[in-house]
Amino acid sequence: MTDPVQAAILALPEHAWTPAVRVDGKLREGGDVAELTGLLPAHGVDLVANGWPPRIRVIVRRERPHPGAQLTFSDVHGYRFQTFATNTAVGQLSALEARHRAHARVEDRIRCGKDTGFGRFPSRHFSINAVWLELALTAVDLLAWTQTMLLDGHLATAEPKTLRHRLLHVAARITRGQRRTWIRVQATWPWAGDLAAAFSRLRRLPPAPG
């Protein structure tokens, strides 16, 4: 968000903005999108000269920050702006922006993966690092499925560091009695209920076919 890009955004007339939509096609409350491509040259931004391919388009989204969010120097008139580039020539702006926002979830998983292990390789030997990478990718998959199928609320979207502190590294004892296996978690642990609920959901999942 450079000064020339911000100036181009503020030069957009109000009628240039159209309502943003969610990935499911429903309106995204408080969000609007507009195309910025044609205004950039007038503010000294030459995309091709800066290395972008020809026929590139720049689209901007404005959105009211959620209550309690801290505004930054790039937030103007109570709006938060985000721009992205695309070479897709057709399609409604709102649909292109929704597609881009959905792709951000992929980037979130890459960031989580780096926090889980494949951002740091332990050896100078390829074979050792290959095994490390496979294990790290397996851990990322397990975390993703755990959050999708077993957790809710904040833990369903928490970062790996938070999950390690609250669930994965919790102190517990495995005991056996009454022909059952029990996991004894300290009752005062703040997230004991979340852990118990996750195990309960896991038990209710149908078995894999075959």
N, C-alpha and C. Protein backbone atom coordinates (compact mmCIF):
# COMPACT_ATOMS: atom_id res chain seq x y z
N MET A 1 0.86 -1.19 0.00
CA MET A 1 0.00 0.00 0.00
C MET A 1 0.89 1.23 0.00
N THR A 2 1.42 1.59 -1.18
CA THR A 2 2.28 2.76 -1.31
C THR A 2 1.43 4.02 -1.39
N ASP A 3 2.07 5.17 -1.25
CA ASP A 3 1.34 6.44 -1.32
C ASP A 3 0.65 6.63 -2.66
N PRO A 4 1.30 6.35 -3.81
CA PRO A 4 0.59 6.50 -5.10
C PRO A 4 -0.62 5.58 -5.22
N VAL A 5 -0.49 4.33 -4.75
CA VAL A 5 -1.63 3.40 -4.81
C VAL A 5 -2.75 3.90 -3.92
N GLN A 6 -2.41 4.38 -2.74
CA GLN A 6 -3.45 4.90 -1.84
C GLN A 6 -4.14 6.12 -2.45
N ALA A 7 -3.36 6.99 -3.12
CA ALA A 7 -3.96 8.16 -3.76
C ALA A 7 -4.92 7.73 -4.86
N ALA A 8 -4.56 6.70 -5.62
CA ALA A 8 -5.45 6.20 -6.67
C ALA A 8 -6.74 5.65 -6.08
N ILE A 9 -6.62 4.96 -4.96
CA ILE A 9 -7.81 4.41 -4.31
C ILE A 9 -8.74 5.53 -3.87
N LEU A 10 -8.18 6.57 -3.25
CA LEU A 10 -9.00 7.66 -2.76
C LEU A 10 -9.60 8.47 -3.90
N ALA A 11 -9.04 8.36 -5.11
CA ALA A 11 -9.58 9.07 -6.27
C ALA A 11 -10.76 8.33 -6.90
N LEU A 12 -11.00 7.10 -6.49
CA LEU A 12 -12.12 6.35 -7.04
C LEU A 12 -13.44 7.02 -6.67
N PRO A 13 -14.32 7.25 -7.64
CA PRO A 13 -15.65 7.78 -7.30
C PRO A 13 -16.48 6.74 -6.58
N GLU A 14 -17.45 7.19 -5.82
CA GLU A 14 -18.25 6.27 -5.01
C GLU A 14 -18.98 5.26 -5.88
N HIS A 15 -19.41 5.67 -7.09
CA HIS A 15 -20.17 4.74 -7.94
C HIS A 15 -19.30 3.63 -8.52
N ALA A 16 -17.95 3.73 -8.36
CA ALA A 16 -17.06 2.68 -8.87
C ALA A 16 -17.06 1.45 -7.96
N TRP A 17 -17.54 1.61 -6.74
CA TRP A 17 -17.51 0.51 -5.78
C TRP A 17 -18.76 -0.35 -5.93
N THR A 18 -18.57 -1.67 -5.89
CA THR A 18 -19.68 -2.62 -5.89
C THR A 18 -19.56 -3.52 -4.67
N PRO A 19 -20.68 -4.04 -4.16
CA PRO A 19 -20.63 -4.87 -2.95
C PRO A 19 -19.78 -6.12 -3.15
N ALA A 20 -19.00 -6.45 -2.13
CA ALA A 20 -18.21 -7.69 -2.14
C ALA A 20 -19.11 -8.86 -1.78
N VAL A 21 -18.70 -10.05 -2.18
CA VAL A 21 -19.46 -11.25 -1.86
C VAL A 21 -18.54 -12.26 -1.18
N ARG A 22 -19.15 -13.19 -0.49
CA ARG A 22 -18.41 -14.29 0.12
C ARG A 22 -18.20 -15.38 -0.92
N VAL A 23 -17.44 -16.39 -0.54
CA VAL A 23 -17.15 -17.49 -1.47
C VAL A 23 -18.43 -18.21 -1.90
N ASP A 24 -19.44 -18.24 -1.01
CA ASP A 24 -20.70 -18.91 -1.35
C ASP A 24 -21.63 -18.03 -2.17
N GLY A 25 -21.19 -16.81 -2.53
CA GLY A 25 -21.99 -15.93 -3.38
C GLY A 25 -22.86 -14.95 -2.62
N LYS A 26 -22.98 -15.09 -1.30
CA LYS A 26 -23.79 -14.16 -0.52
C LYS A 26 -23.00 -12.88 -0.25
N LEU A 27 -23.73 -11.79 -0.01
CA LEU A 27 -23.08 -10.51 0.21
C LEU A 27 -22.18 -10.54 1.43
N ARG A 28 -21.01 -9.91 1.31
CA ARG A 28 -20.07 -9.78 2.43
C ARG A 28 -20.33 -8.43 3.09
N GLU A 29 -20.90 -8.46 4.26
CA GLU A 29 -21.34 -7.23 4.92
C GLU A 29 -20.15 -6.31 5.19
N GLY A 30 -20.31 -5.05 4.80
CA GLY A 30 -19.29 -4.04 5.07
C GLY A 30 -18.15 -4.02 4.09
N GLY A 31 -18.21 -4.79 3.00
CA GLY A 31 -17.11 -4.86 2.05
C GLY A 31 -17.53 -4.42 0.65
N ASP A 32 -16.64 -3.75 -0.06
CA ASP A 32 -16.88 -3.33 -1.43
C ASP A 32 -15.61 -3.56 -2.25
N VAL A 33 -15.75 -3.68 -3.57
CA VAL A 33 -14.61 -3.88 -4.46
C VAL A 33 -14.70 -2.91 -5.63
N ALA A 34 -13.55 -2.61 -6.21
CA ALA A 34 -13.49 -1.73 -7.38
C ALA A 34 -12.22 -2.05 -8.15
N GLU A 35 -12.23 -1.69 -9.44
CA GLU A 35 -11.02 -1.89 -10.25
C GLU A 35 -10.19 -0.62 -10.22
N LEU A 36 -8.88 -0.80 -10.03
CA LEU A 36 -7.98 0.32 -9.85
C LEU A 36 -7.05 0.53 -11.05
N THR A 37 -7.07 -0.40 -12.00
CA THR A 37 -6.08 -0.42 -13.08
C THR A 37 -5.98 0.90 -13.83
N GLY A 38 -7.12 1.44 -14.25
CA GLY A 38 -7.10 2.63 -15.08
C GLY A 38 -6.63 3.89 -14.38
N LEU A 39 -6.70 3.93 -13.06
CA LEU A 39 -6.31 5.12 -12.31
C LEU A 39 -4.83 5.12 -11.93
N LEU A 40 -4.18 4.00 -11.99
CA LEU A 40 -2.80 3.92 -11.51
C LEU A 40 -1.83 4.76 -12.34
N PRO A 41 -1.88 4.75 -13.69
CA PRO A 41 -0.92 5.57 -14.44
C PRO A 41 -0.99 7.05 -14.10
N ALA A 42 -2.19 7.56 -13.83
CA ALA A 42 -2.33 8.98 -13.50
C ALA A 42 -1.66 9.34 -12.19
N HIS A 43 -1.36 8.34 -11.37
CA HIS A 43 -0.71 8.57 -10.09
C HIS A 43 0.73 8.04 -10.09
N GLY A 44 1.28 7.85 -11.28
CA GLY A 44 2.69 7.50 -11.39
C GLY A 44 3.02 6.04 -11.21
N VAL A 45 2.03 5.17 -11.34
CA VAL A 45 2.26 3.73 -11.17
C VAL A 45 2.17 3.07 -12.55
N ASP A 46 3.32 2.68 -13.11
CA ASP A 46 3.37 1.99 -14.40
C ASP A 46 3.64 0.52 -14.14
N LEU A 47 2.60 -0.29 -14.26
CA LEU A 47 2.71 -1.70 -13.90
C LEU A 47 3.72 -2.44 -14.77
N VAL A 48 3.64 -2.22 -16.10
CA VAL A 48 4.53 -2.94 -17.01
C VAL A 48 5.98 -2.55 -16.77
N ALA A 49 6.22 -1.26 -16.55
CA ALA A 49 7.59 -0.80 -16.29
C ALA A 49 8.13 -1.37 -14.99
N ASN A 50 7.24 -1.68 -14.07
CA ASN A 50 7.65 -2.27 -12.79
C ASN A 50 7.77 -3.78 -12.83
N GLY A 51 7.65 -4.36 -14.02
CA GLY A 51 7.88 -5.80 -14.15
C GLY A 51 6.64 -6.66 -14.21
N TRP A 52 5.44 -6.06 -14.12
CA TRP A 52 4.22 -6.86 -14.22
C TRP A 52 3.95 -7.19 -15.68
N PRO A 53 3.35 -8.32 -15.97
CA PRO A 53 3.05 -8.70 -17.36
C PRO A 53 1.96 -7.80 -17.95
N PRO A 54 1.89 -7.71 -19.27
CA PRO A 54 0.83 -6.91 -19.90
C PRO A 54 -0.56 -7.44 -19.54
N ARG A 55 -1.54 -6.58 -19.64
CA ARG A 55 -2.96 -6.90 -19.38
C ARG A 55 -3.20 -7.31 -17.93
N ILE A 56 -2.32 -6.89 -17.04
CA ILE A 56 -2.56 -7.17 -15.62
C ILE A 56 -3.63 -6.22 -15.11
N ARG A 57 -4.43 -6.68 -14.18
CA ARG A 57 -5.48 -5.86 -13.57
C ARG A 57 -5.23 -5.77 -12.07
N VAL A 58 -5.56 -4.62 -11.52
CA VAL A 58 -5.43 -4.42 -10.07
C VAL A 58 -6.82 -4.12 -9.51
N ILE A 59 -7.20 -4.90 -8.53
CA ILE A 59 -8.53 -4.78 -7.90
C ILE A 59 -8.31 -4.47 -6.42
N VAL A 60 -9.16 -3.62 -5.88
CA VAL A 60 -9.03 -3.21 -4.49
C VAL A 60 -10.31 -3.52 -3.74
N ARG A 61 -10.16 -3.94 -2.51
CA ARG A 61 -11.30 -4.16 -1.61
C ARG A 61 -11.20 -3.18 -0.45
N ARG A 62 -12.33 -2.59 -0.09
CA ARG A 62 -12.39 -1.79 1.12
C ARG A 62 -13.36 -2.46 2.09
N GLU A 63 -13.04 -2.36 3.35
CA GLU A 63 -13.85 -3.06 4.35
C GLU A 63 -13.75 -2.35 5.67
N ARG A 64 -14.86 -2.31 6.38
CA ARG A 64 -14.85 -1.76 7.73
C ARG A 64 -14.20 -2.77 8.66
N PRO A 65 -13.18 -2.36 9.43
CA PRO A 65 -12.57 -3.30 10.39
C PRO A 65 -13.58 -3.77 11.41
N HIS A 66 -13.39 -4.98 11.91
CA HIS A 66 -14.31 -5.51 12.91
C HIS A 66 -14.17 -4.72 14.21
N PRO A 67 -15.19 -4.69 15.04
CA PRO A 67 -15.14 -3.90 16.28
C PRO A 67 -13.93 -4.28 17.13
N GLY A 68 -13.22 -3.28 17.59
CA GLY A 68 -12.05 -3.50 18.43
C GLY A 68 -10.75 -3.61 17.67
N ALA A 69 -10.79 -3.69 16.33
CA ALA A 69 -9.57 -3.80 15.55
C ALA A 69 -8.80 -2.49 15.58
N GLN A 70 -7.47 -2.58 15.58
CA GLN A 70 -6.62 -1.40 15.59
C GLN A 70 -6.39 -0.93 14.16
N LEU A 71 -6.70 0.35 13.90
CA LEU A 71 -6.46 0.90 12.58
C LEU A 71 -4.97 1.16 12.38
N THR A 72 -4.52 1.16 11.12
CA THR A 72 -3.12 1.42 10.80
C THR A 72 -3.02 2.69 9.98
N PHE A 73 -1.79 3.08 9.66
CA PHE A 73 -1.58 4.32 8.91
C PHE A 73 -2.20 4.26 7.52
N SER A 74 -2.41 3.06 6.98
CA SER A 74 -2.97 2.93 5.64
C SER A 74 -4.49 2.88 5.63
N ASP A 75 -5.11 2.90 6.80
CA ASP A 75 -6.57 2.91 6.88
C ASP A 75 -7.06 4.35 6.79
N VAL A 76 -8.00 4.60 5.87
CA VAL A 76 -8.47 5.95 5.62
C VAL A 76 -10.00 5.98 5.70
N HIS A 77 -10.52 7.02 6.35
CA HIS A 77 -11.97 7.22 6.46
C HIS A 77 -12.65 5.99 7.09
N GLY A 78 -11.95 5.33 7.97
CA GLY A 78 -12.53 4.17 8.64
C GLY A 78 -12.53 2.90 7.83
N TYR A 79 -11.92 2.92 6.65
CA TYR A 79 -11.87 1.73 5.80
C TYR A 79 -10.47 1.12 5.82
N ARG A 80 -10.44 -0.19 5.68
CA ARG A 80 -9.19 -0.91 5.48
C ARG A 80 -9.15 -1.39 4.03
N PHE A 81 -8.04 -1.15 3.34
CA PHE A 81 -7.94 -1.46 1.92
C PHE A 81 -6.95 -2.59 1.68
N GLN A 82 -7.26 -3.40 0.67
CA GLN A 82 -6.35 -4.45 0.23
C GLN A 82 -6.42 -4.55 -1.29
N THR A 83 -5.27 -4.58 -1.93
CA THR A 83 -5.24 -4.70 -3.39
C THR A 83 -4.64 -6.04 -3.80
N PHE A 84 -5.01 -6.51 -4.98
CA PHE A 84 -4.40 -7.71 -5.54
C PHE A 84 -4.39 -7.59 -7.06
N ALA A 85 -3.51 -8.32 -7.69
CA ALA A 85 -3.36 -8.30 -9.14
C ALA A 85 -3.83 -9.62 -9.73
N THR A 86 -4.42 -9.55 -10.93
CA THR A 86 -4.87 -10.75 -11.62
C THR A 86 -4.76 -10.52 -13.12
N ASN A 87 -4.55 -11.60 -13.88
CA ASN A 87 -4.57 -11.49 -15.34
C ASN A 87 -5.85 -12.10 -15.91
N THR A 88 -6.83 -12.39 -15.06
CA THR A 88 -8.13 -12.87 -15.52
C THR A 88 -8.88 -11.72 -16.18
N ALA A 89 -9.21 -11.88 -17.45
CA ALA A 89 -9.76 -10.77 -18.22
C ALA A 89 -11.26 -10.60 -18.04
N VAL A 90 -11.95 -11.65 -17.64
CA VAL A 90 -13.41 -11.58 -17.55
C VAL A 90 -13.85 -11.96 -16.14
N GLY A 91 -15.11 -11.68 -15.85
CA GLY A 91 -15.66 -12.03 -14.54
C GLY A 91 -15.99 -10.80 -13.73
N GLN A 92 -17.01 -10.90 -12.91
CA GLN A 92 -17.39 -9.79 -12.04
C GLN A 92 -16.30 -9.55 -11.01
N LEU A 93 -16.11 -8.28 -10.66
CA LEU A 93 -15.06 -7.92 -9.71
C LEU A 93 -15.28 -8.64 -8.37
N SER A 94 -16.53 -8.71 -7.93
CA SER A 94 -16.81 -9.33 -6.64
C SER A 94 -16.44 -10.81 -6.65
N ALA A 95 -16.67 -11.49 -7.79
CA ALA A 95 -16.33 -12.91 -7.88
C ALA A 95 -14.82 -13.10 -7.91
N LEU A 96 -14.10 -12.22 -8.63
CA LEU A 96 -12.64 -12.32 -8.67
C LEU A 96 -12.04 -12.08 -7.29
N GLU A 97 -12.60 -11.12 -6.57
CA GLU A 97 -12.08 -10.82 -5.23
C GLU A 97 -12.37 -11.96 -4.27
N ALA A 98 -13.55 -12.57 -4.37
CA ALA A 98 -13.87 -13.71 -3.51
C ALA A 98 -12.95 -14.88 -3.79
N ARG A 99 -12.63 -15.10 -5.07
CA ARG A 99 -11.70 -16.18 -5.42
C ARG A 99 -10.33 -15.91 -4.82
N HIS A 100 -9.88 -14.67 -4.91
CA HIS A 100 -8.58 -14.32 -4.34
C HIS A 100 -8.57 -14.52 -2.82
N ARG A 101 -9.64 -14.12 -2.15
CA ARG A 101 -9.69 -14.24 -0.70
C ARG A 101 -9.69 -15.71 -0.28
N ALA A 102 -10.34 -16.56 -1.07
CA ALA A 102 -10.32 -17.99 -0.76
C ALA A 102 -8.92 -18.55 -0.88
N HIS A 103 -8.13 -18.02 -1.84
CA HIS A 103 -6.76 -18.51 -2.00
C HIS A 103 -5.90 -18.16 -0.80
N ALA A 104 -6.29 -17.10 -0.07
CA ALA A 104 -5.50 -16.72 1.11
C ALA A 104 -5.49 -17.84 2.14
N ARG A 105 -6.50 -18.70 2.13
CA ARG A 105 -6.52 -19.83 3.07
C ARG A 105 -5.39 -20.80 2.76
N VAL A 106 -5.03 -20.91 1.49
CA VAL A 106 -3.88 -21.75 1.12
C VAL A 106 -2.61 -21.18 1.73
N GLU A 107 -2.47 -19.86 1.65
CA GLU A 107 -1.29 -19.22 2.23
C GLU A 107 -1.25 -19.41 3.74
N ASP A 108 -2.42 -19.42 4.37
CA ASP A 108 -2.48 -19.69 5.82
C ASP A 108 -1.91 -21.07 6.13
N ARG A 109 -2.26 -22.06 5.31
CA ARG A 109 -1.77 -23.42 5.54
C ARG A 109 -0.26 -23.50 5.32
N ILE A 110 0.25 -22.74 4.35
CA ILE A 110 1.70 -22.72 4.14
C ILE A 110 2.39 -22.14 5.36
N ARG A 111 1.83 -21.06 5.91
CA ARG A 111 2.41 -20.47 7.11
C ARG A 111 2.37 -21.45 8.28
N CYS A 112 1.25 -22.13 8.44
CA CYS A 112 1.14 -23.13 9.51
C CYS A 112 2.15 -24.25 9.30
N GLY A 113 2.35 -24.64 8.04
CA GLY A 113 3.32 -25.69 7.76
C GLY A 113 4.73 -25.28 8.16
N LYS A 114 5.09 -24.03 7.89
CA LYS A 114 6.41 -23.55 8.28
C LYS A 114 6.56 -23.55 9.79
N ASP A 115 5.48 -23.24 10.50
CA ASP A 115 5.53 -23.28 11.97
C ASP A 115 5.56 -24.70 12.51
N THR A 116 5.15 -25.66 11.67
CA THR A 116 5.08 -27.05 12.11
C THR A 116 6.34 -27.84 11.79
N GLY A 117 7.19 -27.33 10.90
CA GLY A 117 8.42 -28.08 10.68
C GLY A 117 9.10 -27.91 9.34
N PHE A 118 8.35 -27.67 8.27
CA PHE A 118 9.08 -27.65 7.00
C PHE A 118 9.66 -26.28 6.68
N GLY A 119 9.67 -25.39 7.67
CA GLY A 119 10.42 -24.15 7.51
C GLY A 119 11.84 -24.27 8.01
N ARG A 120 12.15 -25.38 8.65
CA ARG A 120 13.50 -25.58 9.23
C ARG A 120 13.92 -27.03 9.00
N PHE A 121 14.89 -27.23 8.13
CA PHE A 121 15.38 -28.57 7.86
C PHE A 121 16.59 -28.87 8.75
N PRO A 122 16.69 -30.11 9.27
CA PRO A 122 17.69 -30.40 10.30
C PRO A 122 19.06 -30.81 9.78
N SER A 123 19.20 -31.08 8.47
CA SER A 123 20.44 -31.70 8.01
C SER A 123 20.89 -31.12 6.67
N ARG A 124 22.15 -31.41 6.34
CA ARG A 124 22.66 -31.07 5.02
C ARG A 124 22.46 -32.20 4.02
N HIS A 125 21.93 -33.34 4.50
CA HIS A 125 21.72 -34.50 3.64
C HIS A 125 20.29 -34.51 3.11
N PHE A 126 20.16 -34.69 1.81
CA PHE A 126 18.84 -34.62 1.18
C PHE A 126 17.90 -35.69 1.74
N SER A 127 18.37 -36.90 1.91
CA SER A 127 17.50 -38.00 2.34
C SER A 127 16.90 -37.74 3.72
N ILE A 128 17.72 -37.19 4.63
CA ILE A 128 17.21 -36.88 5.97
C ILE A 128 16.16 -35.79 5.90
N ASN A 129 16.44 -34.76 5.11
CA ASN A 129 15.47 -33.67 4.98
C ASN A 129 14.19 -34.13 4.29
N ALA A 130 14.30 -35.09 3.37
CA ALA A 130 13.11 -35.61 2.69
C ALA A 130 12.18 -36.30 3.68
N VAL A 131 12.77 -37.10 4.59
CA VAL A 131 11.95 -37.75 5.62
C VAL A 131 11.33 -36.71 6.55
N TRP A 132 12.14 -35.71 6.94
CA TRP A 132 11.64 -34.64 7.80
C TRP A 132 10.44 -33.94 7.15
N LEU A 133 10.55 -33.67 5.86
CA LEU A 133 9.47 -32.98 5.14
C LEU A 133 8.20 -33.82 5.13
N GLU A 134 8.33 -35.12 4.87
CA GLU A 134 7.15 -35.98 4.86
C GLU A 134 6.46 -36.00 6.23
N LEU A 135 7.25 -36.06 7.30
CA LEU A 135 6.67 -36.05 8.64
C LEU A 135 6.00 -34.71 8.95
N ALA A 136 6.64 -33.61 8.53
CA ALA A 136 6.05 -32.29 8.77
C ALA A 136 4.75 -32.13 8.00
N LEU A 137 4.71 -32.60 6.76
CA LEU A 137 3.48 -32.51 5.97
C LEU A 137 2.37 -33.37 6.58
N THR A 138 2.75 -34.52 7.12
CA THR A 138 1.77 -35.36 7.81
C THR A 138 1.20 -34.63 9.03
N ALA A 139 2.07 -33.95 9.78
CA ALA A 139 1.63 -33.20 10.94
C ALA A 139 0.68 -32.08 10.54
N VAL A 140 0.99 -31.39 9.45
CA VAL A 140 0.12 -30.31 8.97
C VAL A 140 -1.25 -30.86 8.61
N ASP A 141 -1.29 -32.00 7.91
CA ASP A 141 -2.56 -32.62 7.55
C ASP A 141 -3.36 -33.00 8.78
N LEU A 142 -2.69 -33.60 9.77
CA LEU A 142 -3.39 -34.01 10.99
C LEU A 142 -3.96 -32.81 11.74
N LEU A 143 -3.20 -31.71 11.80
CA LEU A 143 -3.70 -30.51 12.45
C LEU A 143 -4.91 -29.94 11.70
N ALA A 144 -4.82 -29.92 10.37
CA ALA A 144 -5.92 -29.37 9.57
C ALA A 144 -7.20 -30.19 9.76
N TRP A 145 -7.08 -31.53 9.72
CA TRP A 145 -8.26 -32.37 9.91
C TRP A 145 -8.77 -32.29 11.34
N THR A 146 -7.87 -32.18 12.31
CA THR A 146 -8.30 -32.04 13.70
C THR A 146 -9.12 -30.78 13.88
N GLN A 147 -8.64 -29.67 13.33
CA GLN A 147 -9.38 -28.42 13.47
C GLN A 147 -10.70 -28.46 12.72
N THR A 148 -10.73 -29.12 11.56
CA THR A 148 -11.94 -29.16 10.75
C THR A 148 -13.01 -30.05 11.38
N MET A 149 -12.61 -31.19 11.92
CA MET A 149 -13.58 -32.20 12.34
C MET A 149 -13.79 -32.28 13.84
N LEU A 150 -12.83 -31.83 14.64
CA LEU A 150 -12.91 -32.08 16.07
C LEU A 150 -12.98 -30.83 16.93
N LEU A 151 -12.59 -29.67 16.40
CA LEU A 151 -12.54 -28.46 17.22
C LEU A 151 -13.54 -27.43 16.73
N ASP A 152 -13.89 -26.51 17.60
CA ASP A 152 -14.76 -25.41 17.20
C ASP A 152 -14.31 -24.14 17.90
N GLY A 153 -14.98 -23.03 17.60
CA GLY A 153 -14.61 -21.77 18.22
C GLY A 153 -13.21 -21.31 17.81
N HIS A 154 -12.52 -20.68 18.74
CA HIS A 154 -11.19 -20.13 18.45
C HIS A 154 -10.19 -21.22 18.09
N LEU A 155 -10.28 -22.38 18.71
CA LEU A 155 -9.31 -23.44 18.45
C LEU A 155 -9.40 -23.97 17.03
N ALA A 156 -10.56 -23.82 16.38
CA ALA A 156 -10.72 -24.31 15.02
C ALA A 156 -9.91 -23.51 14.02
N THR A 157 -9.48 -22.32 14.41
CA THR A 157 -8.68 -21.48 13.51
C THR A 157 -7.36 -21.06 14.15
N ALA A 158 -7.01 -21.64 15.29
CA ALA A 158 -5.82 -21.22 16.01
C ALA A 158 -4.55 -21.64 15.28
N GLU A 159 -3.47 -20.93 15.56
CA GLU A 159 -2.17 -21.25 14.99
C GLU A 159 -1.57 -22.48 15.69
N PRO A 160 -0.62 -23.17 15.03
CA PRO A 160 -0.01 -24.36 15.64
C PRO A 160 0.57 -24.10 17.03
N LYS A 161 1.18 -22.94 17.24
CA LYS A 161 1.76 -22.63 18.54
C LYS A 161 0.70 -22.63 19.63
N THR A 162 -0.47 -22.09 19.33
CA THR A 162 -1.57 -22.08 20.30
C THR A 162 -2.07 -23.48 20.57
N LEU A 163 -2.21 -24.30 19.52
CA LEU A 163 -2.69 -25.67 19.70
C LEU A 163 -1.70 -26.49 20.52
N ARG A 164 -0.40 -26.26 20.29
CA ARG A 164 0.59 -27.00 21.08
C ARG A 164 0.46 -26.66 22.56
N HIS A 165 0.29 -25.38 22.86
CA HIS A 165 0.22 -24.96 24.26
C HIS A 165 -1.07 -25.44 24.93
N ARG A 166 -2.18 -25.38 24.23
CA ARG A 166 -3.48 -25.63 24.87
C ARG A 166 -3.91 -27.08 24.83
N LEU A 167 -3.51 -27.82 23.77
CA LEU A 167 -4.02 -29.18 23.62
C LEU A 167 -2.92 -30.22 23.49
N LEU A 168 -1.98 -30.02 22.58
CA LEU A 168 -1.03 -31.08 22.26
C LEU A 168 -0.03 -31.34 23.38
N HIS A 169 0.34 -30.32 24.13
CA HIS A 169 1.32 -30.48 25.20
C HIS A 169 0.70 -30.54 26.58
N VAL A 170 -0.59 -30.77 26.66
CA VAL A 170 -1.26 -30.80 27.96
C VAL A 170 -0.77 -32.01 28.75
N ALA A 171 -0.54 -31.80 30.03
CA ALA A 171 -0.10 -32.90 30.90
C ALA A 171 -1.29 -33.81 31.22
N ALA A 172 -1.09 -35.11 31.04
CA ALA A 172 -2.18 -36.06 31.28
C ALA A 172 -1.58 -37.43 31.59
N ARG A 173 -2.40 -38.30 32.17
CA ARG A 173 -1.99 -39.68 32.45
C ARG A 173 -2.95 -40.62 31.73
N ILE A 174 -2.40 -41.67 31.13
CA ILE A 174 -3.21 -42.71 30.50
C ILE A 174 -3.34 -43.86 31.49
N THR A 175 -4.56 -44.16 31.87
CA THR A 175 -4.83 -45.25 32.82
C THR A 175 -5.81 -46.23 32.20
N ARG A 176 -5.88 -47.42 32.81
CA ARG A 176 -6.81 -48.44 32.33
C ARG A 176 -7.61 -48.97 33.51
N GLY A 177 -8.88 -49.13 33.27
CA GLY A 177 -9.78 -49.64 34.30
C GLY A 177 -11.16 -49.84 33.73
N GLN A 178 -11.90 -50.79 34.31
CA GLN A 178 -13.25 -51.09 33.84
C GLN A 178 -13.25 -51.46 32.35
N ARG A 179 -12.16 -52.12 31.93
CA ARG A 179 -12.00 -52.58 30.55
C ARG A 179 -11.97 -51.41 29.56
N ARG A 180 -11.56 -50.26 30.03
CA ARG A 180 -11.49 -49.08 29.17
C ARG A 180 -10.18 -48.34 29.42
N THR A 181 -9.78 -47.55 28.43
CA THR A 181 -8.60 -46.71 28.56
C THR A 181 -9.04 -45.27 28.84
N TRP A 182 -8.42 -44.67 29.87
CA TRP A 182 -8.84 -43.34 30.29
C TRP A 182 -7.66 -42.37 30.15
N ILE A 183 -7.96 -41.14 29.75
CA ILE A 183 -6.97 -40.07 29.74
C ILE A 183 -7.33 -39.12 30.87
N ARG A 184 -6.47 -39.04 31.86
CA ARG A 184 -6.72 -38.21 33.04
C ARG A 184 -6.06 -36.85 32.85
N VAL A 185 -6.88 -35.83 32.65
CA VAL A 185 -6.40 -34.47 32.49
C VAL A 185 -6.74 -33.69 33.74
N GLN A 186 -5.82 -32.82 34.16
CA GLN A 186 -6.07 -32.01 35.33
C GLN A 186 -7.34 -31.18 35.14
N ALA A 187 -8.24 -31.25 36.11
CA ALA A 187 -9.54 -30.61 35.98
C ALA A 187 -9.44 -29.09 35.87
N THR A 188 -8.38 -28.51 36.41
CA THR A 188 -8.24 -27.06 36.38
C THR A 188 -7.62 -26.54 35.09
N TRP A 189 -7.21 -27.45 34.19
CA TRP A 189 -6.65 -26.99 32.93
C TRP A 189 -7.72 -26.27 32.13
N PRO A 190 -7.50 -25.01 31.71
CA PRO A 190 -8.57 -24.21 31.10
C PRO A 190 -9.21 -24.83 29.87
N TRP A 191 -8.45 -25.67 29.14
CA TRP A 191 -8.97 -26.21 27.89
C TRP A 191 -9.25 -27.70 28.00
N ALA A 192 -9.43 -28.18 29.22
CA ALA A 192 -9.74 -29.60 29.41
C ALA A 192 -11.07 -29.95 28.74
N GLY A 193 -12.05 -29.07 28.84
CA GLY A 193 -13.34 -29.32 28.21
C GLY A 193 -13.24 -29.40 26.70
N ASP A 194 -12.40 -28.54 26.09
CA ASP A 194 -12.22 -28.58 24.64
C ASP A 194 -11.57 -29.89 24.21
N LEU A 195 -10.59 -30.35 25.01
CA LEU A 195 -9.92 -31.60 24.68
C LEU A 195 -10.87 -32.78 24.80
N ALA A 196 -11.68 -32.80 25.86
CA ALA A 196 -12.65 -33.88 26.04
C ALA A 196 -13.69 -33.87 24.92
N ALA A 197 -14.13 -32.67 24.52
CA ALA A 197 -15.11 -32.59 23.43
C ALA A 197 -14.52 -33.09 22.12
N ALA A 198 -13.23 -32.81 21.89
CA ALA A 198 -12.58 -33.29 20.67
C ALA A 198 -12.54 -34.81 20.63
N PHE A 199 -12.18 -35.43 21.76
CA PHE A 199 -12.14 -36.90 21.81
C PHE A 199 -13.55 -37.48 21.64
N SER A 200 -14.55 -36.78 22.19
CA SER A 200 -15.93 -37.25 22.04
C SER A 200 -16.36 -37.22 20.58
N ARG A 201 -16.01 -36.14 19.87
CA ARG A 201 -16.34 -36.06 18.45
C ARG A 201 -15.59 -37.13 17.66
N LEU A 202 -14.35 -37.38 18.06
CA LEU A 202 -13.56 -38.40 17.36
C LEU A 202 -14.21 -39.77 17.48
N ARG A 203 -14.74 -40.08 18.65
CA ARG A 203 -15.38 -41.39 18.85
C ARG A 203 -16.65 -41.52 18.02
N ARG A 204 -17.31 -40.40 17.74
CA ARG A 204 -18.58 -40.46 16.99
C ARG A 204 -18.38 -40.50 15.48
N LEU A 205 -17.14 -40.32 15.03
CA LEU A 205 -16.90 -40.37 13.57
C LEU A 205 -17.13 -41.79 13.07
N PRO A 206 -17.76 -41.93 11.91
CA PRO A 206 -17.96 -43.29 11.37
C PRO A 206 -16.63 -43.90 10.96
N PRO A 207 -16.50 -45.22 11.07
CA PRO A 207 -15.24 -45.87 10.67
C PRO A 207 -15.00 -45.76 9.18
N ALA A 208 -13.76 -45.78 8.80
CA ALA A 208 -13.42 -45.71 7.37
C ALA A 208 -13.90 -46.98 6.68
N PRO A 209 -14.37 -46.86 5.45
CA PRO A 209 -14.85 -48.07 4.72
C PRO A 209 -13.72 -49.02 4.46
N GLY A 210 -14.04 -50.29 4.47
CA GLY A 210 -13.05 -51.33 4.18
C GLY A 210 -12.33 -51.78 5.40
